[in-house]
Amino acid sequence: MSSSTLPLAALSPTKRTRSSTSSPAAATSSLSSALVVPPAFVTPAKKKTRTTKAKSPTSTSPPRALTTPDDFAGPILASSTSTPATLLPATLSWDLEVAKAHLVAHDPRFEAMFEKWEPTVYMEDLEVDAFRSLVHSLLGQQISWLAARSITHRFIRLFYPTLLPPLHDPLLASTYAHLFPTPAQILALPAATRLETLRGAGLSGRKAEYVVNLAEKFESGELSTKMLLDFEDDEELKETLLALKGVGPWTVNMFSMFSLRRPNILPVGDLGVQKGLLKHTLSAHSVPSSSSSTTALLPSGLTLAQLQTRLKTKAKGNVYLTPKECEELTEGWKPYRTLGSWYLWKIAGTEGEE
């Protein structure tokens, strides 16, 4: 996505409360300033008693809008009126409390962030439909999250014209969030007019081709949710996904963070992550501190003044921080950079920007 991002890498999961003490086991090369995030359609499942030590304050506020990275990434339920999608559990393979303690030990400022924002996306067990998640990501590339939400709605409505309203309605979204076309439904469109039909929903010609290609991969069995969940090596997973038409590093990172929930993902190409990390680094130098663990080191070869100018004038390549600088500044977060990255979007105050 060139716009912001958290990616319309949509995963729409079935959520179940999990214990935080489980055993340990997460779009194109050019960058754009637009914000894009994939909508996550989450269907609550029967609640279980939480055993996490973390306190969960009771909220009386209305449901939040889908405007954060995890909103646009997550497993999705299949339509009850078609062949069900393959949903598999994406159990968190790492211990959330251990990850929190690790980040706080490296940077005590994380403790205040944990109190302010609960990482709910990593506090529930999810069920993943990889096809739906990846399609959401493809549809959201290079456009704002508002445009992505509109196009995704029109795309789904091609297959369920009587069940979805003409326009996306946030107040009613939860009632039709379970609807999404399967690979078979997409391939059932007449081949001669298939791409034209998809373009009628607002997809570009390229995106229409990407979606059809992805549907063919899943329908043939070349790809499956189980196959992607079973990858143990992040690099091997990355290579497999990058081989797909239209899938770039950003989409891979969003899918890995929010669908597969890998523990050590750092989306260095996301402008929201870059901006959050820049602000986080600068804030460590804004007030003198006696704690050396709190004062972040500066990237090699850069002065504090140079970093401060980045907030107004991005570096070469239209970035707040280069991939190398991001890697260097978060070295101490390993092996839990996924959790740290989620908080960088919060610090930046954006939905993510690819």
Protein backbone atom coordinates (compact mmCIF):
# COMPACT_ATOMS: atom_id res chain seq x y z
CA MET A 1 0.00 0.00 0.00
CA SER A 2 1.29 3.35 -0.71
CA SER A 3 -1.07 5.14 1.45
CA SER A 4 -0.91 4.45 4.98
CA THR A 5 -1.11 1.19 5.87
CA LEU A 6 -1.77 -1.09 8.32
CA PRO A 7 -2.52 -2.90 5.91
CA LEU A 8 -5.57 -3.99 4.23
CA ALA A 9 -3.94 -7.09 4.60
CA ALA A 10 -7.08 -8.30 5.86
CA LEU A 11 -7.44 -11.08 8.18
CA SER A 12 -10.68 -11.58 9.67
CA PRO A 13 -10.43 -13.71 12.67
CA THR A 14 -12.72 -15.36 15.05
CA LYS A 15 -11.63 -14.00 18.39
CA ARG A 16 -11.34 -15.92 21.62
CA THR A 17 -9.89 -14.64 24.84
CA ARG A 18 -6.60 -16.29 25.58
CA SER A 19 -4.35 -16.68 28.55
CA SER A 20 -1.20 -14.62 28.41
CA THR A 21 0.76 -17.39 30.00
CA SER A 22 0.65 -19.82 27.11
CA SER A 23 3.84 -21.61 26.18
CA PRO A 24 6.29 -19.72 23.96
CA ALA A 25 6.65 -21.20 20.44
CA ALA A 26 4.40 -13.07 13.29
CA ALA A 27 3.24 -3.34 -1.12
CA THR A 28 5.50 -2.28 -3.50
CA SER A 29 9.06 -1.11 -3.16
CA SER A 30 8.18 2.55 -3.66
CA LEU A 31 6.82 4.46 -0.70
CA SER A 32 3.81 6.74 -0.68
CA SER A 33 2.50 9.06 1.97
CA ALA A 34 -1.10 7.89 1.78
CA LEU A 35 -2.50 5.90 4.65
CA VAL A 36 -3.90 2.47 4.06
CA VAL A 37 -5.08 -0.14 6.39
CA PRO A 38 -6.86 -3.40 5.79
CA PRO A 39 -10.19 -3.88 7.51
CA ALA A 40 -10.28 -6.72 9.91
CA PHE A 41 -13.55 -8.48 10.24
CA VAL A 42 -13.65 -10.05 13.61
CA THR A 43 -16.39 -12.30 14.87
CA PRO A 44 -16.50 -12.76 18.63
CA ALA A 45 -16.58 -16.32 19.84
CA LYS A 46 -17.63 -17.66 23.21
CA LYS A 47 -15.56 -15.93 25.85
CA LYS A 48 -13.25 -17.86 28.12
CA THR A 49 -12.03 -16.79 31.51
CA ARG A 50 -8.89 -14.70 31.17
CA THR A 51 -5.92 -15.72 33.24
CA THR A 52 -3.59 -12.91 32.19
CA LYS A 53 -2.05 -10.90 34.97
CA ALA A 54 -2.52 -7.72 33.02
CA LYS A 55 -5.47 -5.61 34.16
CA SER A 56 -8.15 -5.03 31.57
CA PRO A 57 -10.08 -1.87 32.40
CA THR A 58 -13.77 -2.04 31.65
CA SER A 59 -14.65 0.17 28.71
CA THR A 60 -17.99 1.88 28.36
CA SER A 61 -17.13 3.57 25.09
CA PRO A 62 -18.78 2.47 21.83
CA PRO A 63 -16.95 0.08 19.48
CA ARG A 64 -13.97 1.78 17.91
CA ALA A 65 -13.77 2.49 14.21
CA LEU A 66 -11.69 0.28 11.96
CA THR A 67 -8.73 2.61 11.60
CA THR A 68 -5.72 0.85 13.04
CA PRO A 69 -3.27 -1.60 11.54
CA ASP A 70 -4.78 -4.58 13.23
CA ASP A 71 -8.19 -3.47 12.05
CA PHE A 72 -7.09 -4.20 8.59
CA ALA A 73 -5.36 -7.39 9.21
CA GLY A 74 -6.97 -10.41 10.57
CA PRO A 75 -8.72 -13.62 9.71
CA ILE A 76 -12.17 -13.57 8.21
CA LEU A 77 -15.21 -15.78 8.35
CA ALA A 78 -16.57 -17.41 5.23
CA SER A 79 -20.05 -16.71 3.95
CA SER A 80 -22.71 -19.10 5.18
CA THR A 81 -24.26 -19.03 1.71
CA SER A 82 -21.25 -20.50 -0.09
CA THR A 83 -18.61 -23.14 0.43
CA PRO A 84 -17.00 -22.21 3.76
CA ALA A 85 -13.47 -20.84 3.69
CA THR A 86 -10.76 -22.79 5.42
CA LEU A 87 -10.33 -21.31 8.89
CA LEU A 88 -7.44 -22.47 11.02
CA PRO A 89 -6.33 -21.31 14.47
CA ALA A 90 -3.44 -18.88 14.56
CA THR A 91 -2.44 -19.44 18.16
CA LEU A 92 0.02 -16.95 19.59
CA SER A 93 3.30 -18.82 19.70
CA TRP A 94 4.99 -16.39 22.08
CA ASP A 95 4.17 -15.27 25.60
CA LEU A 96 2.79 -11.73 25.65
CA GLU A 97 3.86 -11.03 29.23
CA VAL A 98 7.40 -12.24 28.54
CA ALA A 99 7.51 -9.98 25.47
CA LYS A 100 6.32 -7.00 27.52
CA ALA A 101 8.92 -7.63 30.22
CA HIS A 102 11.65 -7.89 27.59
CA LEU A 103 10.74 -4.54 26.01
CA VAL A 104 10.45 -2.80 29.40
CA ALA A 105 13.86 -4.14 30.44
CA HIS A 106 15.33 -2.60 27.30
CA ASP A 107 13.31 0.62 27.46
CA PRO A 108 11.29 1.43 30.63
CA ARG A 109 9.08 3.81 28.65
CA PHE A 110 7.23 0.81 27.28
CA GLU A 111 5.64 0.27 30.68
CA ALA A 112 3.59 3.47 30.37
CA MET A 113 2.58 2.50 26.84
CA PHE A 114 1.36 -0.90 28.01
CA GLU A 115 -0.81 0.87 30.57
CA LYS A 116 -2.21 3.29 27.99
CA TRP A 117 -2.85 0.90 25.10
CA GLU A 118 -3.73 -2.79 25.38
CA PRO A 119 -2.47 -4.87 22.43
CA THR A 120 -5.81 -6.64 22.08
CA VAL A 121 -4.86 -8.07 18.68
CA TYR A 122 -2.33 -10.25 20.53
CA MET A 123 -4.56 -11.04 23.51
CA GLU A 124 -7.04 -13.23 21.66
CA ASP A 125 -6.84 -16.47 19.75
CA LEU A 126 -7.74 -16.08 16.08
CA GLU A 127 -8.85 -18.23 13.21
CA VAL A 128 -7.32 -17.30 9.88
CA ASP A 129 -8.46 -17.41 6.26
CA ALA A 130 -5.20 -16.61 4.47
CA PHE A 131 -6.91 -16.02 1.12
CA ARG A 132 -9.17 -13.33 2.49
CA SER A 133 -6.34 -11.70 4.40
CA LEU A 134 -4.11 -11.48 1.34
CA VAL A 135 -6.91 -10.21 -0.91
CA HIS A 136 -7.64 -7.43 1.56
CA SER A 137 -3.98 -6.50 1.43
CA LEU A 138 -3.93 -6.44 -2.36
CA LEU A 139 -7.06 -4.29 -2.56
CA GLY A 140 -5.63 -1.74 -0.15
CA GLN A 141 -2.31 -1.17 -1.88
CA GLN A 142 -1.41 2.33 -3.02
CA ILE A 143 -4.63 3.99 -1.82
CA SER A 144 -5.97 5.57 1.35
CA TRP A 145 -7.65 3.32 3.88
CA LEU A 146 -10.98 5.06 3.21
CA ALA A 147 -10.73 4.28 -0.50
CA ALA A 148 -9.60 0.75 0.31
CA ARG A 149 -12.61 0.20 2.57
CA SER A 150 -14.98 1.42 -0.13
CA ILE A 151 -13.45 -0.72 -2.88
CA THR A 152 -13.36 -3.80 -0.65
CA HIS A 153 -17.07 -3.34 0.09
CA ARG A 154 -17.90 -3.02 -3.60
CA PHE A 155 -15.77 -6.06 -4.39
CA ILE A 156 -17.61 -8.22 -1.84
CA ARG A 157 -20.96 -6.87 -3.04
CA LEU A 158 -20.28 -8.28 -6.51
CA PHE A 159 -20.89 -11.70 -4.98
CA TYR A 160 -23.56 -10.77 -2.41
CA PRO A 161 -25.54 -7.94 -4.05
CA THR A 162 -28.72 -8.59 -2.06
CA LEU A 163 -27.02 -9.01 1.32
CA LEU A 164 -24.84 -5.91 1.40
CA PRO A 165 -26.01 -2.29 1.20
CA PRO A 166 -24.80 -0.25 -1.79
CA LEU A 167 -22.37 1.70 0.40
CA HIS A 168 -20.25 0.63 3.36
CA ASP A 169 -21.97 1.49 6.63
CA PRO A 170 -19.70 1.34 9.72
CA LEU A 171 -22.73 0.97 11.98
CA LEU A 172 -23.91 -2.12 10.12
CA ALA A 173 -20.52 -3.56 9.13
CA SER A 174 -20.54 -6.21 11.84
CA THR A 175 -23.76 -7.70 10.46
CA TYR A 176 -22.18 -8.58 7.12
CA ALA A 177 -18.52 -8.91 8.10
CA HIS A 178 -18.73 -12.68 7.61
CA LEU A 179 -19.32 -12.31 3.86
CA PHE A 180 -16.37 -12.71 1.53
CA PRO A 181 -15.99 -14.52 -1.80
CA THR A 182 -14.04 -17.76 -1.92
CA PRO A 183 -11.47 -18.51 -4.65
CA ALA A 184 -14.05 -20.71 -6.36
CA GLN A 185 -16.60 -17.89 -6.46
CA ILE A 186 -14.11 -15.52 -8.07
CA LEU A 187 -13.06 -18.09 -10.65
CA ALA A 188 -16.74 -18.84 -11.38
CA LEU A 189 -17.06 -15.39 -12.96
CA PRO A 190 -17.11 -15.76 -16.79
CA ALA A 191 -13.47 -15.87 -17.89
CA ALA A 192 -14.04 -13.54 -20.84
CA THR A 193 -15.35 -10.73 -18.66
CA ARG A 194 -13.85 -11.63 -15.26
CA LEU A 195 -11.28 -8.85 -15.10
CA GLU A 196 -13.75 -6.29 -16.41
CA THR A 197 -16.28 -7.34 -13.76
CA LEU A 198 -13.72 -6.88 -10.99
CA ARG A 199 -12.69 -3.50 -12.38
CA GLY A 200 -16.33 -2.51 -12.12
CA ALA A 201 -15.93 -2.71 -8.33
CA GLY A 202 -13.12 -0.16 -8.46
CA LEU A 203 -10.11 -2.45 -8.78
CA SER A 204 -7.37 -1.38 -11.15
CA GLY A 205 -6.57 -3.73 -14.01
CA ARG A 206 -3.43 -4.88 -12.21
CA LYS A 207 -5.22 -5.54 -8.92
CA ALA A 208 -7.92 -7.50 -10.71
CA GLU A 209 -5.20 -9.71 -12.21
CA TYR A 210 -3.54 -10.12 -8.80
CA VAL A 211 -6.79 -11.23 -7.15
CA VAL A 212 -7.57 -13.74 -9.92
CA ASN A 213 -4.03 -15.12 -9.78
CA LEU A 214 -4.27 -15.52 -6.00
CA ALA A 215 -7.64 -17.26 -6.35
CA GLU A 216 -6.10 -19.71 -8.84
CA LYS A 217 -3.22 -20.49 -6.45
CA PHE A 218 -5.58 -21.28 -3.58
CA GLU A 219 -8.17 -23.13 -5.65
CA SER A 220 -5.50 -25.38 -7.20
CA GLY A 221 -4.02 -26.20 -3.79
CA GLU A 222 -0.69 -24.60 -4.60
CA LEU A 223 -1.34 -22.37 -1.60
CA SER A 224 -3.46 -22.91 1.50
CA THR A 225 -3.98 -21.40 4.91
CA LYS A 226 -2.44 -24.47 6.54
CA MET A 227 0.64 -24.30 4.34
CA LEU A 228 1.28 -20.66 5.27
CA LEU A 229 0.65 -21.25 8.97
CA ASP A 230 3.03 -24.21 8.97
CA PHE A 231 6.07 -22.24 7.81
CA GLU A 232 8.57 -22.13 10.65
CA ASP A 233 11.16 -19.93 8.97
CA ASP A 234 10.24 -16.26 8.40
CA GLU A 235 12.53 -15.95 5.37
CA GLU A 236 11.05 -19.02 3.69
CA LEU A 237 7.55 -17.65 4.26
CA LYS A 238 8.64 -14.30 2.86
CA GLU A 239 10.05 -15.87 -0.29
CA THR A 240 6.85 -17.83 -0.89
CA LEU A 241 4.63 -14.75 -0.53
CA LEU A 242 6.87 -12.46 -2.56
CA ALA A 243 6.61 -14.90 -5.45
CA LEU A 244 2.90 -14.02 -5.72
CA LYS A 245 1.88 -11.34 -8.19
CA GLY A 246 1.27 -8.03 -6.48
CA VAL A 247 2.64 -9.05 -3.08
CA GLY A 248 5.48 -6.88 -1.79
CA PRO A 249 7.45 -6.65 1.46
CA TRP A 250 4.82 -4.52 3.20
CA THR A 251 2.04 -7.03 2.52
CA VAL A 252 4.28 -9.84 3.75
CA ASN A 253 4.97 -7.96 6.98
CA MET A 254 1.30 -7.16 7.62
CA PHE A 255 0.27 -10.76 6.98
CA SER A 256 3.04 -12.04 9.22
CA MET A 257 2.22 -9.60 12.04
CA PHE A 258 -1.57 -9.74 12.10
CA SER A 259 -2.58 -13.04 10.52
CA LEU A 260 0.26 -15.35 11.48
CA ARG A 261 1.28 -13.15 14.42
CA ARG A 262 4.99 -13.88 14.14
CA PRO A 263 6.95 -12.45 17.10
CA ASN A 264 9.87 -10.63 15.47
CA ILE A 265 8.51 -8.61 12.54
CA LEU A 266 9.69 -5.05 11.92
CA PRO A 267 8.00 -3.40 8.88
CA VAL A 268 10.83 -1.03 8.01
CA GLY A 269 9.05 0.15 4.85
CA ASP A 270 5.96 1.39 6.70
CA LEU A 271 5.95 5.17 7.15
CA GLY A 272 3.85 4.92 10.30
CA VAL A 273 6.41 2.64 11.92
CA GLN A 274 9.25 4.90 10.79
CA LYS A 275 7.56 8.03 12.13
CA GLY A 276 6.68 6.38 15.44
CA LEU A 277 10.24 5.14 15.90
CA LEU A 278 11.63 8.57 15.05
CA LYS A 279 9.36 10.28 17.60
CA HIS A 280 10.12 7.60 20.18
CA THR A 281 13.86 8.09 19.70
CA LEU A 282 13.66 11.86 19.85
CA SER A 283 11.52 11.80 23.00
CA ALA A 284 14.28 9.92 24.82
CA HIS A 285 16.53 12.94 24.34
CA SER A 286 13.98 15.63 25.11
CA VAL A 287 14.31 15.32 28.91
CA PRO A 288 17.59 14.54 30.71
CA SER A 289 17.50 11.09 32.26
CA SER A 290 19.78 9.34 34.70
CA SER A 291 18.81 6.01 33.24
CA SER A 292 21.09 4.97 30.43
CA SER A 293 18.60 2.29 29.44
CA THR A 294 15.98 4.97 28.73
CA THR A 295 18.13 7.22 26.56
CA ALA A 296 18.02 5.76 23.07
CA LEU A 297 21.19 5.72 21.07
CA LEU A 298 21.20 7.64 17.82
CA PRO A 299 21.63 5.87 14.48
CA SER A 300 25.25 5.68 13.36
CA GLY A 301 26.45 8.88 11.72
CA LEU A 302 23.42 11.00 12.65
CA THR A 303 23.12 13.86 15.13
CA LEU A 304 20.07 14.73 17.20
CA ALA A 305 19.57 17.89 15.12
CA GLN A 306 19.58 15.89 11.90
CA LEU A 307 16.97 13.51 13.27
CA GLN A 308 14.76 16.39 14.41
CA THR A 309 14.63 17.77 10.87
CA ARG A 310 13.30 14.40 9.62
CA LEU A 311 9.89 15.09 11.19
CA LYS A 312 9.37 17.91 8.69
CA THR A 313 11.65 16.94 5.85
CA LYS A 314 11.99 13.23 5.13
CA ALA A 315 15.28 11.70 4.14
CA LYS A 316 16.19 10.65 0.61
CA GLY A 317 13.68 8.09 -0.59
CA ASN A 318 10.79 9.85 1.19
CA VAL A 319 11.40 8.06 4.48
CA TYR A 320 11.58 9.18 8.09
CA LEU A 321 14.18 6.51 8.83
CA THR A 322 16.02 4.15 6.51
CA PRO A 323 15.65 0.38 6.92
CA LYS A 324 19.16 0.23 8.36
CA GLU A 325 18.37 2.95 10.91
CA CYS A 326 15.16 1.17 11.94
CA GLU A 327 17.01 -2.10 12.40
CA GLU A 328 19.72 -0.42 14.44
CA LEU A 329 17.31 1.43 16.75
CA THR A 330 15.27 -1.71 17.51
CA GLU A 331 18.11 -4.20 17.85
CA GLY A 332 17.44 -4.53 21.57
CA TRP A 333 13.75 -5.35 20.96
CA LYS A 334 14.56 -8.72 19.43
CA PRO A 335 12.99 -11.26 19.46
CA TYR A 336 9.77 -9.31 20.11
CA ARG A 337 9.87 -6.52 17.54
CA THR A 338 6.30 -7.31 16.42
CA LEU A 339 4.89 -6.03 19.70
CA GLY A 340 7.19 -3.01 19.70
CA SER A 341 6.19 -2.19 16.12
CA TRP A 342 2.50 -2.25 17.03
CA TYR A 343 3.16 0.48 19.58
CA LEU A 344 5.05 2.58 17.06
CA TRP A 345 1.81 3.06 15.12
CA LYS A 346 0.23 4.30 18.33
CA ILE A 347 3.09 6.74 18.93
CA ALA A 348 2.89 8.00 15.34
CA GLY A 349 -0.86 8.49 15.60
CA THR A 350 -1.46 6.90 12.22
CA GLU A 351 -2.97 3.73 10.83
CA GLY A 352 0.30 2.94 9.19
CA GLU A 353 1.78 4.21 5.98
CA GLU A 354 3.40 2.13 3.34
